[in-house]
Amino acid sequence: MTRAQLSLGNPVENSVGMLLVPIPAGEFLMGSPASKKGNYLDESQHSVEIGRPFYLGVTEVTNLQYERVMAPEKSKK
């Protein structure tokens, strides 16, 4: 984790076993530079600002995790 992430706190594990890490507010470039070979027209590089920190999952959400969050009564069967 970066210093900015560590300053926000430690990673957390939620009730369905997902590991989440803090993402700090800030600005970054998103997309591909125009000089990249094979770029599509809609891939232009642009600045993006994250207004407030948030937590992001380290891995993809599994089907079981999704079911436990979206239909907790079904996942207990």
N, C-alpha and C. Protein backbone atom coordinates (compact mmCIF):
# COMPACT_ATOMS: atom_id res chain seq x y z
N MET A 1 0.84 -1.18 0.00
CA MET A 1 0.00 0.00 0.00
C MET A 1 0.88 1.24 0.00
N THR A 2 0.36 2.31 -0.57
CA THR A 2 1.10 3.56 -0.61
C THR A 2 1.02 4.29 0.73
N ARG A 3 1.87 5.29 0.92
CA ARG A 3 1.80 6.09 2.15
C ARG A 3 0.44 6.76 2.30
N ALA A 4 -0.11 7.25 1.19
CA ALA A 4 -1.43 7.90 1.25
C ALA A 4 -2.49 6.92 1.71
N GLN A 5 -2.42 5.67 1.23
CA GLN A 5 -3.38 4.66 1.67
C GLN A 5 -3.19 4.33 3.15
N LEU A 6 -1.95 4.16 3.56
CA LEU A 6 -1.67 3.83 4.97
C LEU A 6 -2.14 4.94 5.90
N SER A 7 -2.09 6.18 5.44
CA SER A 7 -2.54 7.29 6.29
C SER A 7 -4.05 7.25 6.51
N LEU A 8 -4.78 6.56 5.64
CA LEU A 8 -6.24 6.46 5.78
C LEU A 8 -6.66 5.33 6.70
N GLY A 9 -5.80 4.37 6.90
CA GLY A 9 -6.14 3.25 7.76
C GLY A 9 -5.71 1.93 7.14
N ASN A 10 -5.97 0.86 7.85
CA ASN A 10 -5.60 -0.47 7.41
C ASN A 10 -6.65 -1.07 6.50
N PRO A 11 -6.28 -2.08 5.71
CA PRO A 11 -7.29 -2.81 4.95
C PRO A 11 -8.31 -3.42 5.92
N VAL A 12 -9.51 -3.64 5.43
CA VAL A 12 -10.56 -4.25 6.26
C VAL A 12 -11.17 -5.42 5.51
N GLU A 13 -11.72 -6.36 6.26
CA GLU A 13 -12.46 -7.46 5.67
C GLU A 13 -13.93 -7.28 6.04
N ASN A 14 -14.80 -7.30 5.03
CA ASN A 14 -16.22 -7.09 5.32
C ASN A 14 -16.90 -8.40 5.73
N SER A 15 -18.20 -8.34 5.92
CA SER A 15 -18.95 -9.48 6.46
C SER A 15 -19.03 -10.68 5.52
N VAL A 16 -18.74 -10.49 4.24
CA VAL A 16 -18.78 -11.61 3.30
C VAL A 16 -17.38 -12.04 2.86
N GLY A 17 -16.36 -11.57 3.58
CA GLY A 17 -15.00 -12.01 3.35
C GLY A 17 -14.22 -11.27 2.29
N MET A 18 -14.70 -10.11 1.86
CA MET A 18 -13.98 -9.32 0.86
C MET A 18 -12.93 -8.45 1.54
N LEU A 19 -11.70 -8.45 1.02
CA LEU A 19 -10.64 -7.58 1.53
C LEU A 19 -10.72 -6.25 0.81
N LEU A 20 -10.82 -5.16 1.57
CA LEU A 20 -10.95 -3.81 1.02
C LEU A 20 -9.78 -2.95 1.47
N VAL A 21 -9.23 -2.16 0.54
CA VAL A 21 -8.13 -1.26 0.87
C VAL A 21 -8.57 0.19 0.66
N PRO A 22 -8.04 1.12 1.47
CA PRO A 22 -8.42 2.52 1.31
C PRO A 22 -7.79 3.14 0.06
N ILE A 23 -8.58 3.94 -0.64
CA ILE A 23 -8.12 4.69 -1.81
C ILE A 23 -8.24 6.17 -1.45
N PRO A 24 -7.13 6.91 -1.49
CA PRO A 24 -7.17 8.32 -1.10
C PRO A 24 -7.84 9.20 -2.17
N ALA A 25 -8.34 10.34 -1.75
CA ALA A 25 -8.82 11.34 -2.69
C ALA A 25 -7.63 11.87 -3.47
N GLY A 26 -7.87 12.38 -4.64
CA GLY A 26 -6.78 12.94 -5.42
C GLY A 26 -7.11 12.98 -6.90
N GLU A 27 -6.11 13.28 -7.69
CA GLU A 27 -6.29 13.42 -9.12
C GLU A 27 -5.31 12.49 -9.84
N PHE A 28 -5.76 11.90 -10.96
CA PHE A 28 -4.89 11.03 -11.74
C PHE A 28 -5.30 11.08 -13.20
N LEU A 29 -4.43 10.56 -14.07
CA LEU A 29 -4.74 10.49 -15.49
C LEU A 29 -5.35 9.12 -15.79
N MET A 30 -6.44 9.14 -16.56
CA MET A 30 -7.14 7.91 -16.93
C MET A 30 -7.16 7.82 -18.46
N GLY A 31 -7.01 6.63 -18.97
CA GLY A 31 -7.06 6.42 -20.41
C GLY A 31 -5.68 6.26 -21.00
N SER A 32 -5.65 6.08 -22.30
CA SER A 32 -4.39 5.85 -23.00
C SER A 32 -3.91 7.12 -23.68
N PRO A 33 -2.60 7.35 -23.69
CA PRO A 33 -2.10 8.51 -24.41
C PRO A 33 -2.34 8.36 -25.91
N ALA A 34 -2.54 9.47 -26.59
CA ALA A 34 -2.83 9.44 -28.03
C ALA A 34 -1.70 8.78 -28.81
N SER A 35 -0.50 8.78 -28.26
CA SER A 35 0.64 8.20 -28.96
C SER A 35 0.67 6.67 -28.91
N LYS A 36 -0.20 6.05 -28.12
CA LYS A 36 -0.20 4.59 -28.00
C LYS A 36 -0.75 3.96 -29.28
N LYS A 37 0.01 3.04 -29.83
CA LYS A 37 -0.40 2.36 -31.06
C LYS A 37 -1.64 1.50 -30.80
N GLY A 38 -2.60 1.57 -31.70
CA GLY A 38 -3.80 0.75 -31.58
C GLY A 38 -4.90 1.37 -30.72
N ASN A 39 -4.74 2.62 -30.32
CA ASN A 39 -5.77 3.31 -29.53
C ASN A 39 -7.08 3.43 -30.29
N TYR A 40 -8.17 3.33 -29.56
CA TYR A 40 -9.48 3.65 -30.12
C TYR A 40 -9.75 5.12 -29.85
N LEU A 41 -10.65 5.72 -30.61
CA LEU A 41 -10.92 7.15 -30.47
C LEU A 41 -11.46 7.52 -29.09
N ASP A 42 -12.17 6.59 -28.44
CA ASP A 42 -12.77 6.90 -27.14
C ASP A 42 -11.82 6.61 -25.97
N GLU A 43 -10.56 6.38 -26.23
CA GLU A 43 -9.59 6.08 -25.18
C GLU A 43 -8.68 7.25 -24.85
N SER A 44 -9.12 8.44 -25.10
CA SER A 44 -8.26 9.59 -24.86
C SER A 44 -7.91 9.72 -23.38
N GLN A 45 -6.71 10.17 -23.12
CA GLN A 45 -6.25 10.35 -21.75
C GLN A 45 -6.84 11.65 -21.20
N HIS A 46 -7.35 11.58 -19.97
CA HIS A 46 -7.95 12.76 -19.35
C HIS A 46 -7.76 12.69 -17.84
N SER A 47 -7.86 13.86 -17.23
CA SER A 47 -7.68 13.97 -15.78
C SER A 47 -8.98 13.60 -15.07
N VAL A 48 -8.84 12.84 -13.98
CA VAL A 48 -9.99 12.44 -13.17
C VAL A 48 -9.71 12.83 -11.72
N GLU A 49 -10.70 13.37 -11.04
CA GLU A 49 -10.53 13.73 -9.64
C GLU A 49 -11.43 12.90 -8.76
N ILE A 50 -10.84 12.27 -7.74
CA ILE A 50 -11.60 11.54 -6.72
C ILE A 50 -11.78 12.52 -5.56
N GLY A 51 -13.01 12.88 -5.28
CA GLY A 51 -13.31 13.92 -4.31
C GLY A 51 -13.14 13.53 -2.85
N ARG A 52 -13.35 12.26 -2.54
CA ARG A 52 -13.20 11.81 -1.15
C ARG A 52 -12.70 10.37 -1.14
N PRO A 53 -12.00 9.99 -0.09
CA PRO A 53 -11.46 8.64 -0.04
C PRO A 53 -12.56 7.58 0.04
N PHE A 54 -12.24 6.38 -0.39
CA PHE A 54 -13.19 5.27 -0.33
C PHE A 54 -12.42 3.96 -0.22
N TYR A 55 -13.12 2.87 0.04
CA TYR A 55 -12.50 1.55 0.10
C TYR A 55 -12.85 0.78 -1.17
N LEU A 56 -11.88 0.02 -1.68
CA LEU A 56 -12.03 -0.73 -2.92
C LEU A 56 -11.63 -2.17 -2.69
N GLY A 57 -12.39 -3.10 -3.24
CA GLY A 57 -12.07 -4.52 -3.12
C GLY A 57 -10.78 -4.86 -3.84
N VAL A 58 -9.99 -5.74 -3.23
CA VAL A 58 -8.70 -6.14 -3.79
C VAL A 58 -8.90 -7.09 -4.97
N THR A 59 -9.91 -7.92 -4.92
CA THR A 59 -10.18 -8.88 -5.99
C THR A 59 -11.59 -8.72 -6.51
N GLU A 60 -11.89 -9.45 -7.55
CA GLU A 60 -13.25 -9.44 -8.09
C GLU A 60 -14.22 -10.00 -7.05
N VAL A 61 -15.47 -9.62 -7.18
CA VAL A 61 -16.53 -10.15 -6.32
C VAL A 61 -16.90 -11.54 -6.83
N THR A 62 -16.92 -12.52 -5.94
CA THR A 62 -17.32 -13.87 -6.36
C THR A 62 -18.84 -13.96 -6.41
N ASN A 63 -19.34 -14.99 -7.07
CA ASN A 63 -20.79 -15.20 -7.12
C ASN A 63 -21.36 -15.37 -5.72
N LEU A 64 -20.67 -16.12 -4.88
CA LEU A 64 -21.15 -16.35 -3.52
C LEU A 64 -21.20 -15.04 -2.72
N GLN A 65 -20.17 -14.21 -2.84
CA GLN A 65 -20.17 -12.92 -2.14
C GLN A 65 -21.32 -12.05 -2.63
N TYR A 66 -21.53 -12.02 -3.93
CA TYR A 66 -22.63 -11.24 -4.51
C TYR A 66 -23.97 -11.72 -3.95
N GLU A 67 -24.17 -13.03 -3.95
CA GLU A 67 -25.43 -13.58 -3.44
C GLU A 67 -25.63 -13.26 -1.97
N ARG A 68 -24.56 -13.31 -1.18
CA ARG A 68 -24.67 -13.03 0.25
C ARG A 68 -25.06 -11.57 0.51
N VAL A 69 -24.64 -10.68 -0.36
CA VAL A 69 -24.97 -9.26 -0.19
C VAL A 69 -26.35 -8.94 -0.79
N MET A 70 -26.62 -9.46 -1.98
CA MET A 70 -27.84 -9.10 -2.69
C MET A 70 -29.06 -9.91 -2.28
N ALA A 71 -28.87 -11.13 -1.84
CA ALA A 71 -29.99 -11.98 -1.43
C ALA A 71 -29.55 -12.83 -0.25
N PRO A 72 -29.30 -12.20 0.90
CA PRO A 72 -28.75 -12.96 2.03
C PRO A 72 -29.62 -14.13 2.48
N GLU A 73 -30.93 -14.03 2.32
CA GLU A 73 -31.80 -15.13 2.75
C GLU A 73 -31.64 -16.34 1.85
N LYS A 74 -31.32 -16.15 0.57
CA LYS A 74 -31.13 -17.27 -0.36
C LYS A 74 -29.80 -17.97 -0.13
N SER A 75 -28.76 -17.22 0.22
CA SER A 75 -27.42 -17.80 0.34
C SER A 75 -27.27 -18.68 1.57
N LYS A 76 -28.23 -18.63 2.50
CA LYS A 76 -28.16 -19.44 3.71
C LYS A 76 -28.69 -20.85 3.49
N LYS A 77 -29.37 -21.08 2.36
CA LYS A 77 -29.97 -22.40 2.09
C LYS A 77 -28.94 -23.41 1.67
